[in-house]
Amino acid sequence: MKEKNPINNMPDIPSLYSLPRSGGTLIYNIVNYLFSGYVDPLSHSYELTDSKVVVTYRDFRDCAISWWRVKKGGFDEVDKMEKASFNDVKKYLDLTKRSINNHLNEYKKKYPSHQIFYMQYEKFYNNFEYIFEKFENFLELKISEEDRIIVKEEFSLESNKKRARKFENFSMWSKKYRIHGHHIFTGEVGTWKKIINLNDHNAITEYLYNELKEWGYE
């Protein structure tokens, strides 16, 4: 069970879960800043807790292809982008499918709505105001203008890419920020379409069809 917040007059510290490659590190860094560094690293596994939980998820095709990019593609700039086929990324489609069914779906099944908030990547990408609004409501925080400015500067895509460039590959990472080498590409929604060969688009969608439909990505 998560401990009470040691900071006076602050809400209890939330738990964080992220479907792999769905923007969870950004959310972790923002929440950790707002709770003065007391937040545990985000989890990629289902966990039962009495605390509030913030869950991040993203179009599962983007998750799987991003997973392939950092593990196999080894690029983080557009001019170094490599194309991939269905067969190239199938391992990461399977890993993503397993994460959805074994972990993400468990949160939906077992947590009451008042205890959990789902942060959809497509809504919070490049939208700090959305993040601030949702955190103030769900986490019962009051985020000052000063903190808003700091968060926007410290955790912008550009700032996080600078952190990632300090590391040679995804196996190397910052213990403070949890940012890996090659961690961030463009961040844009639907990037999978640019990386996957056009003639494999339908196969990718069909492979994850049930999961996409369940989570509103038809």
N, C-alpha and C. Protein backbone atom coordinates (compact mmCIF):
# COMPACT_ATOMS: atom_id res chain seq x y z
N MET A 1 0.85 -1.20 0.00
CA MET A 1 0.00 0.00 0.00
C MET A 1 0.88 1.25 0.00
N LYS A 2 0.55 2.21 -0.84
CA LYS A 2 1.35 3.42 -0.94
C LYS A 2 1.18 4.27 0.31
N GLU A 3 2.29 4.86 0.77
CA GLU A 3 2.25 5.68 1.97
C GLU A 3 1.55 7.01 1.70
N LYS A 4 1.11 7.62 2.83
CA LYS A 4 0.53 8.95 2.74
C LYS A 4 1.61 9.93 2.27
N ASN A 5 1.16 10.99 1.65
CA ASN A 5 2.10 11.99 1.18
C ASN A 5 2.80 12.66 2.36
N PRO A 6 4.15 12.65 2.39
CA PRO A 6 4.86 13.27 3.50
C PRO A 6 4.84 14.80 3.44
N ILE A 7 4.33 15.36 2.33
CA ILE A 7 4.30 16.81 2.19
C ILE A 7 3.00 17.33 2.80
N ASN A 8 3.10 18.26 3.70
CA ASN A 8 1.92 18.81 4.36
C ASN A 8 0.98 19.45 3.35
N ASN A 9 -0.31 19.25 3.59
CA ASN A 9 -1.36 19.90 2.80
C ASN A 9 -1.36 19.49 1.32
N MET A 10 -0.83 18.32 1.03
CA MET A 10 -0.86 17.82 -0.34
C MET A 10 -1.65 16.52 -0.38
N PRO A 11 -2.32 16.23 -1.51
CA PRO A 11 -3.07 14.96 -1.63
C PRO A 11 -2.14 13.76 -1.56
N ASP A 12 -2.74 12.59 -1.36
CA ASP A 12 -1.95 11.36 -1.34
C ASP A 12 -1.28 11.14 -2.69
N ILE A 13 -0.12 10.51 -2.65
CA ILE A 13 0.67 10.28 -3.86
C ILE A 13 -0.01 9.23 -4.74
N PRO A 14 -0.20 9.50 -6.04
CA PRO A 14 -0.84 8.51 -6.92
C PRO A 14 0.15 7.45 -7.39
N SER A 15 -0.38 6.34 -7.87
CA SER A 15 0.40 5.33 -8.59
C SER A 15 0.26 5.59 -10.08
N LEU A 16 1.27 5.15 -10.83
CA LEU A 16 1.28 5.38 -12.27
C LEU A 16 1.48 4.06 -13.01
N TYR A 17 0.62 3.83 -14.00
CA TYR A 17 0.80 2.71 -14.91
C TYR A 17 0.82 3.24 -16.33
N SER A 18 1.69 2.67 -17.15
CA SER A 18 1.75 3.06 -18.55
C SER A 18 1.83 1.83 -19.44
N LEU A 19 0.95 1.76 -20.43
CA LEU A 19 1.17 0.80 -21.50
C LEU A 19 2.49 1.19 -22.15
N PRO A 20 3.44 0.24 -22.34
CA PRO A 20 4.74 0.60 -22.89
C PRO A 20 4.65 1.44 -24.16
N ARG A 21 5.43 2.51 -24.18
CA ARG A 21 5.54 3.44 -25.31
C ARG A 21 4.29 4.27 -25.53
N SER A 22 3.64 4.67 -24.43
CA SER A 22 2.41 5.47 -24.56
C SER A 22 2.50 6.83 -23.86
N GLY A 23 3.72 7.33 -23.69
CA GLY A 23 3.87 8.66 -23.09
C GLY A 23 3.92 8.67 -21.58
N GLY A 24 4.07 7.50 -20.98
CA GLY A 24 4.05 7.42 -19.53
C GLY A 24 5.21 8.13 -18.86
N THR A 25 6.37 8.19 -19.53
CA THR A 25 7.53 8.85 -18.91
C THR A 25 7.29 10.35 -18.77
N LEU A 26 6.65 10.95 -19.76
CA LEU A 26 6.29 12.37 -19.64
C LEU A 26 5.36 12.58 -18.46
N ILE A 27 4.33 11.76 -18.36
CA ILE A 27 3.38 11.90 -17.26
C ILE A 27 4.06 11.67 -15.92
N TYR A 28 4.94 10.68 -15.86
CA TYR A 28 5.70 10.43 -14.62
C TYR A 28 6.48 11.67 -14.21
N ASN A 29 7.22 12.27 -15.14
CA ASN A 29 8.04 13.42 -14.79
C ASN A 29 7.22 14.60 -14.30
N ILE A 30 6.06 14.81 -14.92
CA ILE A 30 5.21 15.92 -14.50
C ILE A 30 4.64 15.65 -13.10
N VAL A 31 4.09 14.45 -12.90
CA VAL A 31 3.51 14.12 -11.60
C VAL A 31 4.59 14.13 -10.52
N ASN A 32 5.75 13.58 -10.84
CA ASN A 32 6.84 13.55 -9.86
C ASN A 32 7.27 14.96 -9.47
N TYR A 33 7.31 15.86 -10.44
CA TYR A 33 7.63 17.27 -10.13
C TYR A 33 6.56 17.87 -9.22
N LEU A 34 5.31 17.67 -9.55
CA LEU A 34 4.22 18.25 -8.78
C LEU A 34 4.16 17.70 -7.36
N PHE A 35 4.65 16.47 -7.17
CA PHE A 35 4.69 15.86 -5.84
C PHE A 35 6.11 15.85 -5.25
N SER A 36 6.90 16.81 -5.70
CA SER A 36 8.23 17.09 -5.11
C SER A 36 9.15 15.88 -5.06
N GLY A 37 9.08 15.04 -6.08
CA GLY A 37 10.01 13.93 -6.20
C GLY A 37 9.66 12.69 -5.41
N TYR A 38 8.44 12.61 -4.88
CA TYR A 38 8.06 11.47 -4.05
C TYR A 38 7.30 10.37 -4.79
N VAL A 39 7.14 10.51 -6.10
CA VAL A 39 6.36 9.54 -6.86
C VAL A 39 7.23 8.35 -7.25
N ASP A 40 6.71 7.14 -7.08
CA ASP A 40 7.42 5.94 -7.51
C ASP A 40 7.49 5.89 -9.03
N PRO A 41 8.53 5.28 -9.60
CA PRO A 41 8.59 5.09 -11.05
C PRO A 41 7.33 4.41 -11.56
N LEU A 42 6.93 4.76 -12.78
CA LEU A 42 5.72 4.16 -13.32
C LEU A 42 5.91 2.68 -13.55
N SER A 43 4.80 1.97 -13.53
CA SER A 43 4.81 0.53 -13.74
C SER A 43 4.26 0.19 -15.12
N HIS A 44 4.74 -0.92 -15.67
CA HIS A 44 4.17 -1.45 -16.91
C HIS A 44 3.36 -2.72 -16.62
N SER A 45 3.09 -2.99 -15.35
CA SER A 45 2.35 -4.18 -14.95
C SER A 45 1.14 -3.80 -14.10
N TYR A 46 0.12 -4.63 -14.14
CA TYR A 46 -1.05 -4.41 -13.30
C TYR A 46 -0.67 -4.56 -11.83
N GLU A 47 -1.09 -3.59 -11.03
CA GLU A 47 -0.84 -3.62 -9.58
C GLU A 47 -2.09 -3.16 -8.85
N LEU A 48 -2.37 -3.79 -7.73
CA LEU A 48 -3.51 -3.42 -6.91
C LEU A 48 -3.03 -2.48 -5.80
N THR A 49 -3.67 -1.34 -5.67
CA THR A 49 -3.29 -0.34 -4.68
C THR A 49 -4.52 0.40 -4.19
N ASP A 50 -4.43 0.99 -3.02
CA ASP A 50 -5.52 1.81 -2.49
C ASP A 50 -5.45 3.25 -2.97
N SER A 51 -4.33 3.62 -3.56
CA SER A 51 -4.15 5.00 -4.01
C SER A 51 -4.87 5.24 -5.34
N LYS A 52 -4.98 6.50 -5.71
CA LYS A 52 -5.47 6.81 -7.05
C LYS A 52 -4.42 6.37 -8.06
N VAL A 53 -4.91 6.04 -9.26
CA VAL A 53 -4.02 5.55 -10.31
C VAL A 53 -4.21 6.36 -11.58
N VAL A 54 -3.10 6.78 -12.17
CA VAL A 54 -3.12 7.43 -13.48
C VAL A 54 -2.57 6.43 -14.49
N VAL A 55 -3.35 6.15 -15.52
CA VAL A 55 -3.00 5.17 -16.55
C VAL A 55 -2.82 5.89 -17.88
N THR A 56 -1.71 5.64 -18.57
CA THR A 56 -1.55 6.18 -19.91
C THR A 56 -1.68 5.07 -20.94
N TYR A 57 -2.33 5.40 -22.06
CA TYR A 57 -2.43 4.46 -23.18
C TYR A 57 -2.43 5.25 -24.47
N ARG A 58 -2.27 4.56 -25.57
CA ARG A 58 -2.07 5.20 -26.88
C ARG A 58 -2.51 4.24 -27.96
N ASP A 59 -2.81 4.75 -29.12
CA ASP A 59 -3.09 3.87 -30.27
C ASP A 59 -2.08 2.73 -30.25
N PHE A 60 -2.56 1.52 -30.15
CA PHE A 60 -1.69 0.37 -29.94
C PHE A 60 -0.73 0.13 -31.10
N ARG A 61 -1.11 0.60 -32.28
CA ARG A 61 -0.19 0.50 -33.42
C ARG A 61 1.01 1.41 -33.21
N ASP A 62 0.76 2.60 -32.71
CA ASP A 62 1.88 3.51 -32.40
C ASP A 62 2.76 2.95 -31.29
N CYS A 63 2.14 2.33 -30.28
CA CYS A 63 2.91 1.74 -29.19
C CYS A 63 3.84 0.65 -29.71
N ALA A 64 3.29 -0.27 -30.49
CA ALA A 64 4.08 -1.41 -30.97
C ALA A 64 5.21 -0.97 -31.88
N ILE A 65 4.94 -0.04 -32.79
CA ILE A 65 5.96 0.39 -33.74
C ILE A 65 7.02 1.23 -33.03
N SER A 66 6.61 2.01 -32.03
CA SER A 66 7.59 2.76 -31.23
C SER A 66 8.49 1.81 -30.46
N TRP A 67 7.91 0.73 -29.95
CA TRP A 67 8.68 -0.30 -29.23
C TRP A 67 9.73 -0.91 -30.17
N TRP A 68 9.32 -1.21 -31.39
CA TRP A 68 10.25 -1.73 -32.38
C TRP A 68 11.34 -0.70 -32.69
N ARG A 69 10.94 0.57 -32.81
CA ARG A 69 11.89 1.63 -33.17
C ARG A 69 13.03 1.74 -32.16
N VAL A 70 12.69 1.74 -30.86
CA VAL A 70 13.74 1.93 -29.86
C VAL A 70 14.58 0.66 -29.65
N LYS A 71 13.97 -0.50 -29.87
CA LYS A 71 14.68 -1.75 -29.63
C LYS A 71 15.46 -2.25 -30.86
N LYS A 72 14.88 -2.06 -32.05
CA LYS A 72 15.48 -2.61 -33.26
C LYS A 72 15.84 -1.53 -34.29
N GLY A 73 14.95 -0.58 -34.49
CA GLY A 73 15.20 0.45 -35.50
C GLY A 73 16.40 1.32 -35.14
N GLY A 74 16.48 1.70 -33.87
CA GLY A 74 17.64 2.46 -33.39
C GLY A 74 17.76 3.85 -33.97
N PHE A 75 16.64 4.52 -34.20
CA PHE A 75 16.70 5.89 -34.72
C PHE A 75 15.73 6.77 -33.95
N ASP A 76 16.02 8.07 -33.95
CA ASP A 76 15.11 9.01 -33.29
C ASP A 76 14.98 10.33 -34.05
N GLU A 77 15.46 10.35 -35.30
CA GLU A 77 15.33 11.54 -36.14
C GLU A 77 14.73 11.14 -37.48
N VAL A 78 13.96 12.05 -38.06
CA VAL A 78 13.25 11.76 -39.31
C VAL A 78 14.21 11.39 -40.43
N ASP A 79 15.35 12.08 -40.51
CA ASP A 79 16.28 11.81 -41.61
C ASP A 79 17.01 10.48 -41.47
N LYS A 80 16.83 9.81 -40.34
CA LYS A 80 17.43 8.50 -40.13
C LYS A 80 16.37 7.40 -40.04
N MET A 81 15.14 7.76 -40.34
CA MET A 81 14.03 6.81 -40.21
C MET A 81 14.20 5.62 -41.13
N GLU A 82 13.89 4.44 -40.60
CA GLU A 82 13.88 3.21 -41.38
C GLU A 82 12.45 2.70 -41.51
N LYS A 83 12.15 2.10 -42.64
CA LYS A 83 10.84 1.50 -42.86
C LYS A 83 10.83 0.08 -42.31
N ALA A 84 9.63 -0.40 -42.00
CA ALA A 84 9.50 -1.74 -41.43
C ALA A 84 8.29 -2.44 -42.02
N SER A 85 8.35 -3.75 -42.00
CA SER A 85 7.24 -4.57 -42.48
C SER A 85 6.48 -5.17 -41.30
N PHE A 86 5.37 -5.80 -41.60
CA PHE A 86 4.61 -6.51 -40.56
C PHE A 86 5.49 -7.54 -39.86
N ASN A 87 6.24 -8.30 -40.63
CA ASN A 87 7.08 -9.34 -40.04
C ASN A 87 8.18 -8.75 -39.16
N ASP A 88 8.69 -7.59 -39.54
CA ASP A 88 9.72 -6.94 -38.73
C ASP A 88 9.21 -6.62 -37.33
N VAL A 89 7.96 -6.18 -37.24
CA VAL A 89 7.44 -5.66 -35.97
C VAL A 89 6.53 -6.64 -35.23
N LYS A 90 6.34 -7.84 -35.78
CA LYS A 90 5.36 -8.76 -35.19
C LYS A 90 5.66 -9.06 -33.72
N LYS A 91 6.92 -9.20 -33.36
CA LYS A 91 7.27 -9.44 -31.96
C LYS A 91 6.71 -8.34 -31.06
N TYR A 92 6.77 -7.11 -31.53
CA TYR A 92 6.34 -5.98 -30.70
C TYR A 92 4.83 -5.79 -30.75
N LEU A 93 4.20 -6.25 -31.81
CA LEU A 93 2.74 -6.33 -31.82
C LEU A 93 2.28 -7.33 -30.77
N ASP A 94 2.97 -8.47 -30.69
CA ASP A 94 2.61 -9.49 -29.69
C ASP A 94 2.84 -8.98 -28.27
N LEU A 95 3.96 -8.30 -28.04
CA LEU A 95 4.25 -7.76 -26.72
C LEU A 95 3.21 -6.72 -26.31
N THR A 96 2.81 -5.89 -27.27
CA THR A 96 1.80 -4.88 -26.99
C THR A 96 0.45 -5.53 -26.69
N LYS A 97 0.08 -6.50 -27.50
CA LYS A 97 -1.19 -7.22 -27.28
C LYS A 97 -1.20 -7.87 -25.89
N ARG A 98 -0.08 -8.46 -25.50
CA ARG A 98 0.02 -9.10 -24.19
C ARG A 98 -0.11 -8.07 -23.07
N SER A 99 0.53 -6.92 -23.25
CA SER A 99 0.45 -5.87 -22.23
C SER A 99 -0.97 -5.34 -22.07
N ILE A 100 -1.68 -5.21 -23.18
CA ILE A 100 -3.07 -4.75 -23.13
C ILE A 100 -3.93 -5.75 -22.37
N ASN A 101 -3.86 -7.00 -22.75
CA ASN A 101 -4.76 -8.01 -22.19
C ASN A 101 -4.40 -8.44 -20.77
N ASN A 102 -3.12 -8.42 -20.44
CA ASN A 102 -2.69 -8.86 -19.11
C ASN A 102 -2.62 -7.75 -18.07
N HIS A 103 -2.54 -6.50 -18.54
CA HIS A 103 -2.31 -5.41 -17.60
C HIS A 103 -3.32 -4.26 -17.79
N LEU A 104 -3.31 -3.62 -18.95
CA LEU A 104 -4.20 -2.48 -19.18
C LEU A 104 -5.66 -2.86 -18.94
N ASN A 105 -6.09 -3.97 -19.50
CA ASN A 105 -7.49 -4.38 -19.33
C ASN A 105 -7.83 -4.73 -17.89
N GLU A 106 -6.85 -5.16 -17.11
CA GLU A 106 -7.09 -5.49 -15.71
C GLU A 106 -7.46 -4.25 -14.92
N TYR A 107 -6.86 -3.12 -15.25
CA TYR A 107 -7.23 -1.87 -14.58
C TYR A 107 -8.69 -1.53 -14.86
N LYS A 108 -9.08 -1.70 -16.11
CA LYS A 108 -10.47 -1.39 -16.47
C LYS A 108 -11.45 -2.31 -15.75
N LYS A 109 -11.08 -3.58 -15.61
CA LYS A 109 -11.97 -4.55 -14.98
C LYS A 109 -12.10 -4.36 -13.47
N LYS A 110 -11.03 -3.97 -12.81
CA LYS A 110 -10.96 -4.10 -11.36
C LYS A 110 -10.94 -2.79 -10.57
N TYR A 111 -10.75 -1.67 -11.25
CA TYR A 111 -10.69 -0.40 -10.52
C TYR A 111 -11.98 0.39 -10.68
N PRO A 112 -12.51 0.93 -9.59
CA PRO A 112 -13.68 1.80 -9.70
C PRO A 112 -13.30 3.12 -10.37
N SER A 113 -14.24 3.73 -11.06
CA SER A 113 -13.95 4.91 -11.87
C SER A 113 -13.41 6.08 -11.06
N HIS A 114 -13.81 6.20 -9.79
CA HIS A 114 -13.34 7.34 -9.00
C HIS A 114 -11.87 7.21 -8.59
N GLN A 115 -11.32 6.00 -8.72
CA GLN A 115 -9.95 5.76 -8.27
C GLN A 115 -8.94 5.81 -9.41
N ILE A 116 -9.41 5.87 -10.64
CA ILE A 116 -8.50 5.74 -11.78
C ILE A 116 -8.82 6.78 -12.85
N PHE A 117 -7.75 7.29 -13.49
CA PHE A 117 -7.95 8.21 -14.60
C PHE A 117 -7.08 7.76 -15.76
N TYR A 118 -7.71 7.65 -16.93
CA TYR A 118 -7.02 7.20 -18.14
C TYR A 118 -6.57 8.40 -18.95
N MET A 119 -5.26 8.52 -19.09
CA MET A 119 -4.67 9.61 -19.89
C MET A 119 -4.41 9.08 -21.30
N GLN A 120 -5.25 9.50 -22.23
CA GLN A 120 -5.09 9.05 -23.61
C GLN A 120 -4.06 9.92 -24.32
N TYR A 121 -3.06 9.29 -24.87
CA TYR A 121 -1.94 10.01 -25.48
C TYR A 121 -2.41 11.04 -26.50
N GLU A 122 -3.36 10.64 -27.32
CA GLU A 122 -3.82 11.53 -28.39
C GLU A 122 -4.44 12.82 -27.84
N LYS A 123 -4.86 12.82 -26.58
CA LYS A 123 -5.43 14.01 -25.96
C LYS A 123 -4.38 14.84 -25.23
N PHE A 124 -3.37 14.18 -24.65
CA PHE A 124 -2.39 14.97 -23.89
C PHE A 124 -1.13 15.30 -24.67
N TYR A 125 -0.92 14.68 -25.84
CA TYR A 125 0.26 15.00 -26.65
C TYR A 125 0.28 16.49 -27.00
N ASN A 126 1.39 17.13 -26.64
CA ASN A 126 1.59 18.55 -26.98
C ASN A 126 0.49 19.44 -26.42
N ASN A 127 -0.09 19.05 -25.27
CA ASN A 127 -1.22 19.80 -24.70
C ASN A 127 -1.10 19.85 -23.18
N PHE A 128 -0.20 20.67 -22.70
CA PHE A 128 0.03 20.77 -21.27
C PHE A 128 -1.19 21.29 -20.52
N GLU A 129 -1.97 22.14 -21.15
CA GLU A 129 -3.15 22.68 -20.47
C GLU A 129 -4.15 21.57 -20.16
N TYR A 130 -4.29 20.64 -21.08
CA TYR A 130 -5.15 19.48 -20.83
C TYR A 130 -4.64 18.69 -19.63
N ILE A 131 -3.33 18.46 -19.59
CA ILE A 131 -2.74 17.72 -18.47
C ILE A 131 -2.98 18.43 -17.15
N PHE A 132 -2.75 19.74 -17.12
CA PHE A 132 -2.94 20.50 -15.89
C PHE A 132 -4.40 20.43 -15.42
N GLU A 133 -5.31 20.58 -16.35
CA GLU A 133 -6.74 20.54 -15.99
C GLU A 133 -7.12 19.19 -15.38
N LYS A 134 -6.69 18.11 -16.03
CA LYS A 134 -7.06 16.78 -15.56
C LYS A 134 -6.40 16.45 -14.23
N PHE A 135 -5.15 16.86 -14.06
CA PHE A 135 -4.47 16.60 -12.80
C PHE A 135 -5.08 17.40 -11.65
N GLU A 136 -5.43 18.61 -11.92
CA GLU A 136 -6.06 19.42 -10.85
C GLU A 136 -7.36 18.77 -10.39
N ASN A 137 -8.14 18.29 -11.34
CA ASN A 137 -9.43 17.68 -10.98
C ASN A 137 -9.26 16.31 -10.32
N PHE A 138 -8.48 15.45 -10.96
CA PHE A 138 -8.40 14.06 -10.46
C PHE A 138 -7.50 13.93 -9.24
N LEU A 139 -6.36 14.62 -9.26
CA LEU A 139 -5.41 14.50 -8.15
C LEU A 139 -5.64 15.54 -7.06
N GLU A 140 -6.64 16.39 -7.26
CA GLU A 140 -7.00 17.41 -6.28
C GLU A 140 -5.82 18.33 -5.95
N LEU A 141 -5.18 18.79 -7.03
CA LEU A 141 -4.05 19.70 -6.92
C LEU A 141 -4.45 21.10 -7.34
N LYS A 142 -3.69 22.07 -6.88
CA LYS A 142 -3.76 23.41 -7.43
C LYS A 142 -2.39 23.70 -8.01
N ILE A 143 -2.32 23.81 -9.33
CA ILE A 143 -1.04 23.99 -10.01
C ILE A 143 -0.85 25.48 -10.30
N SER A 144 0.17 26.07 -9.70
CA SER A 144 0.41 27.50 -9.83
C SER A 144 0.90 27.85 -11.23
N GLU A 145 0.81 29.12 -11.57
CA GLU A 145 1.32 29.58 -12.86
C GLU A 145 2.82 29.35 -12.97
N GLU A 146 3.52 29.53 -11.85
CA GLU A 146 4.97 29.30 -11.86
C GLU A 146 5.28 27.84 -12.17
N ASP A 147 4.55 26.92 -11.54
CA ASP A 147 4.77 25.50 -11.80
C ASP A 147 4.40 25.13 -13.23
N ARG A 148 3.36 25.75 -13.75
CA ARG A 148 2.97 25.47 -15.13
C ARG A 148 4.08 25.86 -16.10
N ILE A 149 4.69 27.01 -15.87
CA ILE A 149 5.78 27.47 -16.73
C ILE A 149 6.98 26.53 -16.64
N ILE A 150 7.32 26.12 -15.41
CA ILE A 150 8.46 25.22 -15.21
C ILE A 150 8.21 23.89 -15.90
N VAL A 151 7.01 23.32 -15.73
CA VAL A 151 6.69 22.03 -16.35
C VAL A 151 6.80 22.11 -17.86
N LYS A 152 6.25 23.17 -18.45
CA LYS A 152 6.28 23.31 -19.90
C LYS A 152 7.72 23.40 -20.43
N GLU A 153 8.58 24.08 -19.69
CA GLU A 153 9.97 24.24 -20.12
C GLU A 153 10.79 22.98 -19.86
N GLU A 154 10.63 22.41 -18.67
CA GLU A 154 11.44 21.27 -18.26
C GLU A 154 11.10 20.00 -19.03
N PHE A 155 9.83 19.83 -19.39
CA PHE A 155 9.39 18.55 -19.94
C PHE A 155 8.81 18.68 -21.34
N SER A 156 9.19 19.71 -22.05
CA SER A 156 8.80 19.84 -23.45
C SER A 156 9.45 18.72 -24.24
N LEU A 157 8.92 18.46 -25.41
CA LEU A 157 9.51 17.44 -26.27
C LEU A 157 10.97 17.76 -26.57
N GLU A 158 11.27 19.04 -26.81
CA GLU A 158 12.63 19.45 -27.11
C GLU A 158 13.56 19.20 -25.94
N SER A 159 13.11 19.52 -24.71
CA SER A 159 13.95 19.30 -23.52
C SER A 159 14.22 17.83 -23.30
N ASN A 160 13.19 17.01 -23.49
CA ASN A 160 13.37 15.58 -23.29
C ASN A 160 14.23 14.93 -24.38
N LYS A 161 14.14 15.46 -25.60
CA LYS A 161 15.01 14.94 -26.66
C LYS A 161 16.47 15.28 -26.36
N LYS A 162 16.73 16.44 -25.77
CA LYS A 162 18.10 16.79 -25.40
C LYS A 162 18.63 15.81 -24.36
N ARG A 163 17.78 15.41 -23.43
CA ARG A 163 18.19 14.43 -22.43
C ARG A 163 18.49 13.08 -23.09
N ALA A 164 17.65 12.70 -24.05
CA ALA A 164 17.82 11.41 -24.72
C ALA A 164 19.12 11.37 -25.53
N ARG A 165 19.52 12.50 -26.09
CA ARG A 165 20.71 12.54 -26.94
C ARG A 165 22.00 12.29 -26.16
N LYS A 166 21.92 12.34 -24.85
CA LYS A 166 23.11 12.08 -24.04
C LYS A 166 23.47 10.59 -23.99
N PHE A 167 22.54 9.77 -24.48
CA PHE A 167 22.72 8.32 -24.38
C PHE A 167 22.76 7.69 -25.77
N GLU A 168 23.59 6.68 -25.89
CA GLU A 168 23.83 6.07 -27.19
C GLU A 168 22.67 5.26 -27.71
N ASN A 169 21.97 4.57 -26.81
CA ASN A 169 20.87 3.72 -27.24
C ASN A 169 19.86 3.55 -26.10
N PHE A 170 18.83 2.76 -26.35
CA PHE A 170 17.73 2.65 -25.39
C PHE A 170 18.12 1.90 -24.12
N SER A 171 19.21 1.18 -24.14
CA SER A 171 19.65 0.47 -22.93
C SER A 171 20.32 1.40 -21.93
N MET A 172 20.57 2.64 -22.33
CA MET A 172 21.17 3.64 -21.45
C MET A 172 20.13 4.70 -21.15
N TRP A 173 20.09 5.16 -19.88
CA TRP A 173 19.01 6.07 -19.51
C TRP A 173 19.34 6.89 -18.28
N SER A 174 18.58 7.97 -18.10
CA SER A 174 18.72 8.87 -16.96
C SER A 174 17.91 8.34 -15.78
N LYS A 175 18.57 8.11 -14.66
CA LYS A 175 17.87 7.63 -13.48
C LYS A 175 16.92 8.69 -12.92
N LYS A 176 17.27 9.94 -13.12
CA LYS A 176 16.42 11.02 -12.60
C LYS A 176 15.15 11.18 -13.42
N TYR A 177 15.29 11.23 -14.74
CA TYR A 177 14.15 11.53 -15.61
C TYR A 177 13.55 10.29 -16.27
N ARG A 178 14.24 9.16 -16.18
CA ARG A 178 13.78 7.91 -16.82
C ARG A 178 13.73 8.01 -18.35
N ILE A 179 14.52 8.93 -18.90
CA ILE A 179 14.61 9.12 -20.34
C ILE A 179 15.75 8.26 -20.88
N HIS A 180 15.47 7.46 -21.91
CA HIS A 180 16.46 6.58 -22.52
C HIS A 180 17.03 7.20 -23.79
N GLY A 181 18.12 6.65 -24.24
CA GLY A 181 18.60 6.98 -25.58
C GLY A 181 17.56 6.56 -26.62
N HIS A 182 17.39 7.37 -27.65
CA HIS A 182 16.41 7.10 -28.72
C HIS A 182 14.97 7.08 -28.19
N HIS A 183 14.75 7.64 -27.00
CA HIS A 183 13.43 7.54 -26.37
C HIS A 183 12.33 8.19 -27.19
N ILE A 184 12.64 9.32 -27.83
CA ILE A 184 11.60 10.13 -28.47
C ILE A 184 11.92 10.30 -29.95
N PHE A 185 10.88 10.11 -30.78
CA PHE A 185 11.01 10.36 -32.22
C PHE A 185 10.37 11.72 -32.49
N THR A 186 9.24 11.77 -33.16
CA THR A 186 8.56 13.06 -33.37
C THR A 186 7.46 13.27 -32.35
N GLY A 187 6.99 12.17 -31.74
CA GLY A 187 5.88 12.28 -30.80
C GLY A 187 4.53 12.38 -31.47
N GLU A 188 4.48 12.54 -32.77
CA GLU A 188 3.23 12.79 -33.48
C GLU A 188 2.29 11.59 -33.43
N VAL A 189 1.02 11.89 -33.42
CA VAL A 189 -0.01 10.84 -33.47
C VAL A 189 0.00 10.19 -34.85
N GLY A 190 -0.08 8.85 -34.87
CA GLY A 190 -0.13 8.13 -36.15
C GLY A 190 1.21 7.92 -36.81
N THR A 191 2.29 8.02 -36.05
CA THR A 191 3.63 7.84 -36.62
C THR A 191 3.81 6.45 -37.23
N TRP A 192 3.09 5.47 -36.72
CA TRP A 192 3.22 4.11 -37.24
C TRP A 192 3.00 4.05 -38.74
N LYS A 193 2.14 4.93 -39.25
CA LYS A 193 1.83 4.91 -40.68
C LYS A 193 3.02 5.30 -41.53
N LYS A 194 3.91 6.13 -40.97
CA LYS A 194 5.09 6.58 -41.71
C LYS A 194 6.19 5.52 -41.71
N ILE A 195 6.21 4.70 -40.67
CA ILE A 195 7.28 3.72 -40.53
C ILE A 195 6.93 2.39 -41.20
N ILE A 196 5.69 1.97 -41.07
CA ILE A 196 5.26 0.69 -41.64
C ILE A 196 5.00 0.82 -43.13
N ASN A 197 5.47 -0.14 -43.88
CA ASN A 197 5.21 -0.15 -45.32
C ASN A 197 3.71 -0.07 -45.58
N LEU A 198 3.33 0.71 -46.56
CA LEU A 198 1.92 0.96 -46.85
C LEU A 198 1.13 -0.33 -47.06
N ASN A 199 1.72 -1.29 -47.74
CA ASN A 199 0.98 -2.52 -48.03
C ASN A 199 0.80 -3.41 -46.79
N ASP A 200 1.37 -3.01 -45.65
CA ASP A 200 1.19 -3.75 -44.41
C ASP A 200 0.30 -3.03 -43.40
N HIS A 201 -0.24 -1.87 -43.77
CA HIS A 201 -1.08 -1.10 -42.85
C HIS A 201 -2.29 -1.91 -42.40
N ASN A 202 -2.98 -2.52 -43.34
CA ASN A 202 -4.19 -3.28 -42.99
C ASN A 202 -3.87 -4.47 -42.10
N ALA A 203 -2.74 -5.12 -42.36
CA ALA A 203 -2.37 -6.28 -41.57
C ALA A 203 -2.10 -5.89 -40.12
N ILE A 204 -1.46 -4.75 -39.92
CA ILE A 204 -1.19 -4.26 -38.56
C ILE A 204 -2.51 -4.00 -37.83
N THR A 205 -3.43 -3.33 -38.52
CA THR A 205 -4.71 -2.99 -37.91
C THR A 205 -5.52 -4.24 -37.60
N GLU A 206 -5.55 -5.17 -38.52
CA GLU A 206 -6.30 -6.41 -38.31
C GLU A 206 -5.75 -7.21 -37.14
N TYR A 207 -4.44 -7.21 -37.00
CA TYR A 207 -3.80 -7.99 -35.94
C TYR A 207 -4.20 -7.49 -34.55
N LEU A 208 -4.42 -6.19 -34.43
CA LEU A 208 -4.79 -5.58 -33.15
C LEU A 208 -6.25 -5.13 -33.13
N TYR A 209 -7.03 -5.64 -34.06
CA TYR A 209 -8.39 -5.12 -34.25
C TYR A 209 -9.24 -5.16 -32.98
N ASN A 210 -9.28 -6.29 -32.31
CA ASN A 210 -10.15 -6.41 -31.13
C ASN A 210 -9.74 -5.42 -30.03
N GLU A 211 -8.46 -5.27 -29.82
CA GLU A 211 -7.96 -4.35 -28.81
C GLU A 211 -8.22 -2.90 -29.21
N LEU A 212 -7.99 -2.59 -30.47
CA LEU A 212 -8.27 -1.23 -30.95
C LEU A 212 -9.75 -0.87 -30.79
N LYS A 213 -10.61 -1.81 -31.14
CA LYS A 213 -12.05 -1.57 -31.03
C LYS A 213 -12.46 -1.37 -29.57
N GLU A 214 -11.95 -2.20 -28.68
CA GLU A 214 -12.29 -2.13 -27.26
C GLU A 214 -11.93 -0.77 -26.66
N TRP A 215 -10.84 -0.17 -27.14
CA TRP A 215 -10.37 1.08 -26.56
C TRP A 215 -10.64 2.29 -27.44
N GLY A 216 -11.54 2.14 -28.41
CA GLY A 216 -12.03 3.29 -29.16
C GLY A 216 -11.17 3.74 -30.31
N TYR A 217 -10.35 2.84 -30.86
CA TYR A 217 -9.50 3.21 -31.99
C TYR A 217 -9.96 2.56 -33.28
N GLU A 218 -11.23 2.46 -33.50
CA GLU A 218 -11.75 1.86 -34.73
C GLU A 218 -11.39 2.71 -35.93
